[in-house]
Amino acid sequence: MLKVDMEYEKNILYVRLKGILDRKVCYKINNYIVPVVLKHKIKYLVFNLFDLEDIDESGLDSLLNTKCAIKTNKGKICLCEVSDDIRLKIKRLRMKVASNELAANQLIRI
């Protein structure tokens, strides 16, 4: 099960994920977050992975889809509060990683 909490503040969409991002629930990213990004032309997105327990290949692909949507809007994406286990899995995504949301905010504004 995956819980998705979204908050839009100062031109940044914060997406906080809680649970497991796998094949069964990656539709939540692909069908809800990506369309929101494209429809509202959101340029900056921060994924907070503090409460993410695990991620599989489908979950990685859904994060990549979100990255592509942000790139379409000529924006930037950043991950924050990533555990060591998850960090190893997301390495191939080539996304910026910050220690917390404030640091992520500063990273994507550069």
N, C-alpha and C. Protein backbone atom coordinates (compact mmCIF):
# COMPACT_ATOMS: atom_id res chain seq x y z
N MET A 1 0.84 -1.18 0.00
CA MET A 1 0.00 0.00 0.00
C MET A 1 0.88 1.24 0.00
N LEU A 2 0.46 2.24 -0.76
CA LEU A 2 1.22 3.49 -0.86
C LEU A 2 0.29 4.66 -0.56
N LYS A 3 0.76 5.55 0.31
CA LYS A 3 0.03 6.77 0.60
C LYS A 3 0.79 7.92 -0.05
N VAL A 4 0.07 8.76 -0.79
CA VAL A 4 0.67 9.89 -1.48
C VAL A 4 0.09 11.17 -0.90
N ASP A 5 0.97 12.03 -0.42
CA ASP A 5 0.55 13.32 0.13
C ASP A 5 1.18 14.41 -0.75
N MET A 6 0.34 15.25 -1.35
CA MET A 6 0.85 16.31 -2.22
C MET A 6 0.56 17.67 -1.61
N GLU A 7 1.52 18.57 -1.75
CA GLU A 7 1.36 19.94 -1.27
C GLU A 7 2.06 20.86 -2.26
N TYR A 8 1.35 21.90 -2.70
CA TYR A 8 1.93 22.86 -3.64
C TYR A 8 2.17 24.16 -2.90
N GLU A 9 3.43 24.58 -2.85
CA GLU A 9 3.78 25.77 -2.10
C GLU A 9 4.92 26.51 -2.81
N LYS A 10 4.73 27.78 -3.05
CA LYS A 10 5.76 28.64 -3.67
C LYS A 10 6.32 28.03 -4.94
N ASN A 11 5.44 27.62 -5.85
CA ASN A 11 5.80 27.07 -7.16
C ASN A 11 6.50 25.72 -7.12
N ILE A 12 6.44 25.04 -5.99
CA ILE A 12 7.05 23.70 -5.88
C ILE A 12 5.97 22.71 -5.45
N LEU A 13 5.90 21.59 -6.16
CA LEU A 13 5.00 20.51 -5.76
C LEU A 13 5.81 19.54 -4.90
N TYR A 14 5.39 19.39 -3.66
CA TYR A 14 6.01 18.43 -2.75
C TYR A 14 5.16 17.17 -2.75
N VAL A 15 5.79 16.04 -3.01
CA VAL A 15 5.10 14.76 -3.01
C VAL A 15 5.78 13.88 -1.97
N ARG A 16 5.02 13.52 -0.94
CA ARG A 16 5.56 12.68 0.13
C ARG A 16 4.96 11.28 -0.02
N LEU A 17 5.85 10.29 -0.13
CA LEU A 17 5.41 8.91 -0.33
C LEU A 17 5.61 8.11 0.94
N LYS A 18 4.59 7.32 1.28
CA LYS A 18 4.65 6.49 2.49
C LYS A 18 4.19 5.08 2.12
N GLY A 19 5.04 4.11 2.40
CA GLY A 19 4.69 2.72 2.11
C GLY A 19 5.64 2.10 1.12
N ILE A 20 5.09 1.30 0.21
CA ILE A 20 5.88 0.58 -0.78
C ILE A 20 5.44 1.00 -2.17
N LEU A 21 6.40 1.44 -2.97
CA LEU A 21 6.11 1.84 -4.36
C LEU A 21 6.51 0.69 -5.27
N ASP A 22 5.50 -0.11 -5.65
CA ASP A 22 5.76 -1.26 -6.50
C ASP A 22 4.75 -1.29 -7.65
N ARG A 23 4.78 -2.36 -8.43
CA ARG A 23 3.96 -2.50 -9.62
C ARG A 23 2.47 -2.30 -9.33
N LYS A 24 2.03 -2.75 -8.15
CA LYS A 24 0.60 -2.68 -7.81
C LYS A 24 0.11 -1.25 -7.57
N VAL A 25 1.01 -0.36 -7.17
CA VAL A 25 0.56 0.99 -6.80
C VAL A 25 1.22 2.12 -7.61
N CYS A 26 2.10 1.78 -8.56
CA CYS A 26 2.78 2.84 -9.30
C CYS A 26 1.81 3.63 -10.16
N TYR A 27 0.59 3.10 -10.39
CA TYR A 27 -0.42 3.86 -11.12
C TYR A 27 -0.75 5.16 -10.41
N LYS A 28 -0.56 5.20 -9.09
CA LYS A 28 -0.84 6.43 -8.35
C LYS A 28 0.08 7.56 -8.80
N ILE A 29 1.30 7.21 -9.14
CA ILE A 29 2.23 8.22 -9.66
C ILE A 29 1.88 8.54 -11.12
N ASN A 30 1.75 7.48 -11.92
CA ASN A 30 1.54 7.66 -13.36
C ASN A 30 0.19 8.29 -13.70
N ASN A 31 -0.85 7.97 -12.95
CA ASN A 31 -2.20 8.44 -13.29
C ASN A 31 -2.64 9.68 -12.54
N TYR A 32 -1.95 10.03 -11.46
CA TYR A 32 -2.36 11.20 -10.66
C TYR A 32 -1.32 12.31 -10.70
N ILE A 33 -0.09 11.99 -10.40
CA ILE A 33 0.93 13.04 -10.29
C ILE A 33 1.38 13.55 -11.66
N VAL A 34 1.70 12.64 -12.59
CA VAL A 34 2.17 13.06 -13.91
C VAL A 34 1.14 13.95 -14.62
N PRO A 35 -0.16 13.58 -14.66
CA PRO A 35 -1.14 14.47 -15.29
C PRO A 35 -1.24 15.84 -14.61
N VAL A 36 -1.13 15.89 -13.28
CA VAL A 36 -1.16 17.17 -12.56
C VAL A 36 0.01 18.04 -12.99
N VAL A 37 1.19 17.44 -13.08
CA VAL A 37 2.40 18.16 -13.49
C VAL A 37 2.21 18.74 -14.89
N LEU A 38 1.70 17.93 -15.81
CA LEU A 38 1.54 18.38 -17.19
C LEU A 38 0.41 19.41 -17.33
N LYS A 39 -0.71 19.16 -16.69
CA LYS A 39 -1.86 20.06 -16.81
C LYS A 39 -1.57 21.45 -16.25
N HIS A 40 -0.91 21.50 -15.10
CA HIS A 40 -0.66 22.77 -14.42
C HIS A 40 0.73 23.34 -14.72
N LYS A 41 1.45 22.67 -15.65
CA LYS A 41 2.79 23.12 -16.06
C LYS A 41 3.72 23.36 -14.86
N ILE A 42 3.70 22.41 -13.95
CA ILE A 42 4.55 22.49 -12.76
C ILE A 42 6.00 22.28 -13.17
N LYS A 43 6.86 23.18 -12.73
CA LYS A 43 8.27 23.13 -13.11
C LYS A 43 9.15 22.51 -12.03
N TYR A 44 8.74 22.60 -10.78
CA TYR A 44 9.59 22.12 -9.69
C TYR A 44 8.85 21.08 -8.85
N LEU A 45 9.51 19.95 -8.63
CA LEU A 45 8.89 18.87 -7.86
C LEU A 45 9.93 18.28 -6.91
N VAL A 46 9.51 18.05 -5.68
CA VAL A 46 10.35 17.40 -4.68
C VAL A 46 9.63 16.15 -4.18
N PHE A 47 10.27 15.01 -4.35
CA PHE A 47 9.76 13.76 -3.78
C PHE A 47 10.43 13.57 -2.43
N ASN A 48 9.63 13.47 -1.37
CA ASN A 48 10.16 13.16 -0.04
C ASN A 48 9.95 11.66 0.17
N LEU A 49 11.05 10.93 0.32
CA LEU A 49 10.99 9.46 0.43
C LEU A 49 11.27 8.97 1.85
N PHE A 50 11.10 9.85 2.82
CA PHE A 50 11.39 9.50 4.21
C PHE A 50 10.65 8.24 4.66
N ASP A 51 9.37 8.14 4.33
CA ASP A 51 8.55 7.01 4.77
C ASP A 51 8.38 5.94 3.70
N LEU A 52 9.19 6.00 2.64
CA LEU A 52 9.12 4.97 1.60
C LEU A 52 9.91 3.75 2.09
N GLU A 53 9.21 2.63 2.18
CA GLU A 53 9.82 1.41 2.71
C GLU A 53 10.60 0.64 1.65
N ASP A 54 10.07 0.60 0.43
CA ASP A 54 10.73 -0.15 -0.64
C ASP A 54 10.23 0.35 -1.98
N ILE A 55 11.00 0.05 -3.03
CA ILE A 55 10.65 0.44 -4.40
C ILE A 55 11.15 -0.65 -5.33
N ASP A 56 10.36 -0.97 -6.35
CA ASP A 56 10.79 -1.96 -7.34
C ASP A 56 10.99 -1.27 -8.69
N GLU A 57 11.25 -2.06 -9.73
CA GLU A 57 11.52 -1.50 -11.07
C GLU A 57 10.35 -0.66 -11.59
N SER A 58 9.13 -1.12 -11.35
CA SER A 58 7.95 -0.36 -11.79
C SER A 58 7.87 0.98 -11.07
N GLY A 59 8.22 0.98 -9.80
CA GLY A 59 8.24 2.21 -9.02
C GLY A 59 9.30 3.17 -9.54
N LEU A 60 10.47 2.62 -9.88
CA LEU A 60 11.53 3.44 -10.45
C LEU A 60 11.08 4.05 -11.78
N ASP A 61 10.40 3.24 -12.59
CA ASP A 61 9.89 3.74 -13.87
C ASP A 61 8.89 4.86 -13.68
N SER A 62 8.05 4.76 -12.65
CA SER A 62 7.07 5.82 -12.41
C SER A 62 7.75 7.12 -11.98
N LEU A 63 8.83 7.02 -11.20
CA LEU A 63 9.61 8.22 -10.85
C LEU A 63 10.25 8.82 -12.10
N LEU A 64 10.71 7.95 -12.99
CA LEU A 64 11.32 8.40 -14.25
C LEU A 64 10.27 9.09 -15.13
N ASN A 65 9.06 8.57 -15.16
CA ASN A 65 7.97 9.21 -15.92
C ASN A 65 7.72 10.62 -15.39
N THR A 66 7.76 10.76 -14.07
CA THR A 66 7.55 12.07 -13.47
C THR A 66 8.69 13.01 -13.85
N LYS A 67 9.91 12.49 -13.84
CA LYS A 67 11.07 13.30 -14.24
C LYS A 67 10.91 13.80 -15.68
N CYS A 68 10.43 12.93 -16.55
CA CYS A 68 10.22 13.32 -17.96
C CYS A 68 9.15 14.40 -18.08
N ALA A 69 8.09 14.30 -17.28
CA ALA A 69 7.03 15.31 -17.30
C ALA A 69 7.58 16.66 -16.84
N ILE A 70 8.40 16.65 -15.81
CA ILE A 70 9.00 17.89 -15.30
C ILE A 70 9.95 18.48 -16.36
N LYS A 71 10.71 17.63 -17.04
CA LYS A 71 11.62 18.09 -18.10
C LYS A 71 10.84 18.70 -19.25
N THR A 72 9.65 18.17 -19.54
CA THR A 72 8.78 18.73 -20.57
C THR A 72 8.45 20.19 -20.25
N ASN A 73 8.30 20.48 -18.97
CA ASN A 73 7.99 21.84 -18.52
C ASN A 73 9.26 22.66 -18.26
N LYS A 74 10.41 22.13 -18.69
CA LYS A 74 11.71 22.79 -18.49
C LYS A 74 11.97 23.07 -17.01
N GLY A 75 11.64 22.10 -16.18
CA GLY A 75 11.78 22.25 -14.73
C GLY A 75 12.84 21.33 -14.15
N LYS A 76 12.80 21.21 -12.84
CA LYS A 76 13.77 20.39 -12.11
C LYS A 76 13.05 19.54 -11.08
N ILE A 77 13.64 18.39 -10.80
CA ILE A 77 13.08 17.45 -9.82
C ILE A 77 14.19 17.07 -8.84
N CYS A 78 13.80 16.80 -7.62
CA CYS A 78 14.77 16.42 -6.60
C CYS A 78 14.13 15.42 -5.64
N LEU A 79 14.92 14.51 -5.14
CA LEU A 79 14.48 13.55 -4.13
C LEU A 79 15.11 13.96 -2.81
N CYS A 80 14.40 13.73 -1.72
CA CYS A 80 15.01 14.03 -0.43
C CYS A 80 14.64 12.98 0.61
N GLU A 81 15.42 13.00 1.69
CA GLU A 81 15.25 12.07 2.81
C GLU A 81 15.19 10.62 2.34
N VAL A 82 16.19 10.25 1.55
CA VAL A 82 16.26 8.93 0.94
C VAL A 82 17.08 8.00 1.83
N SER A 83 16.52 6.85 2.16
CA SER A 83 17.25 5.87 2.97
C SER A 83 18.38 5.25 2.14
N ASP A 84 19.33 4.65 2.80
CA ASP A 84 20.47 4.05 2.10
C ASP A 84 20.03 2.93 1.15
N ASP A 85 19.07 2.12 1.58
CA ASP A 85 18.58 1.02 0.74
C ASP A 85 17.95 1.56 -0.54
N ILE A 86 17.12 2.57 -0.40
CA ILE A 86 16.44 3.16 -1.55
C ILE A 86 17.45 3.90 -2.43
N ARG A 87 18.41 4.56 -1.81
CA ARG A 87 19.44 5.33 -2.55
C ARG A 87 20.16 4.44 -3.56
N LEU A 88 20.48 3.21 -3.17
CA LEU A 88 21.15 2.28 -4.09
C LEU A 88 20.27 1.96 -5.29
N LYS A 89 18.97 1.81 -5.06
CA LYS A 89 18.04 1.45 -6.13
C LYS A 89 17.79 2.61 -7.09
N ILE A 90 17.77 3.83 -6.59
CA ILE A 90 17.43 4.98 -7.44
C ILE A 90 18.65 5.58 -8.14
N LYS A 91 19.81 5.04 -7.89
CA LYS A 91 21.04 5.62 -8.44
C LYS A 91 20.97 5.78 -9.96
N ARG A 92 20.41 4.80 -10.65
CA ARG A 92 20.36 4.84 -12.11
C ARG A 92 19.42 5.93 -12.66
N LEU A 93 18.57 6.49 -11.81
CA LEU A 93 17.64 7.53 -12.27
C LEU A 93 18.33 8.86 -12.52
N ARG A 94 19.51 9.03 -11.94
CA ARG A 94 20.28 10.26 -12.08
C ARG A 94 19.47 11.50 -11.69
N MET A 95 18.90 11.43 -10.51
CA MET A 95 18.16 12.56 -9.97
C MET A 95 18.95 13.16 -8.82
N LYS A 96 18.78 14.45 -8.63
CA LYS A 96 19.42 15.11 -7.51
C LYS A 96 18.81 14.59 -6.21
N VAL A 97 19.66 14.42 -5.20
CA VAL A 97 19.20 13.95 -3.90
C VAL A 97 19.65 14.94 -2.84
N ALA A 98 18.71 15.34 -1.99
CA ALA A 98 19.00 16.30 -0.92
C ALA A 98 18.69 15.66 0.42
N SER A 99 19.22 16.26 1.47
CA SER A 99 19.02 15.69 2.81
C SER A 99 17.60 15.92 3.33
N ASN A 100 16.99 17.06 2.97
CA ASN A 100 15.63 17.36 3.44
C ASN A 100 14.93 18.29 2.44
N GLU A 101 13.69 18.64 2.72
CA GLU A 101 12.91 19.44 1.78
C GLU A 101 13.48 20.84 1.58
N LEU A 102 14.01 21.42 2.63
CA LEU A 102 14.60 22.75 2.51
C LEU A 102 15.83 22.73 1.59
N ALA A 103 16.66 21.74 1.79
CA ALA A 103 17.86 21.59 0.93
C ALA A 103 17.45 21.30 -0.50
N ALA A 104 16.40 20.50 -0.69
CA ALA A 104 15.89 20.20 -2.03
C ALA A 104 15.38 21.46 -2.70
N ASN A 105 14.67 22.27 -1.94
CA ASN A 105 14.16 23.54 -2.43
C ASN A 105 15.31 24.39 -2.98
N GLN A 106 16.39 24.47 -2.24
CA GLN A 106 17.54 25.27 -2.66
C GLN A 106 18.24 24.65 -3.89
N LEU A 107 18.29 23.33 -3.94
CA LEU A 107 18.94 22.65 -5.06
C LEU A 107 18.22 22.89 -6.39
N ILE A 108 16.90 22.85 -6.37
CA ILE A 108 16.17 23.00 -7.63
C ILE A 108 16.02 24.45 -8.06
N ARG A 109 16.24 25.35 -7.16
CA ARG A 109 16.15 26.78 -7.51
C ARG A 109 17.42 27.30 -8.18
N ILE A 110 18.49 26.51 -8.16
CA ILE A 110 19.77 26.94 -8.74
C ILE A 110 19.67 26.92 -10.25
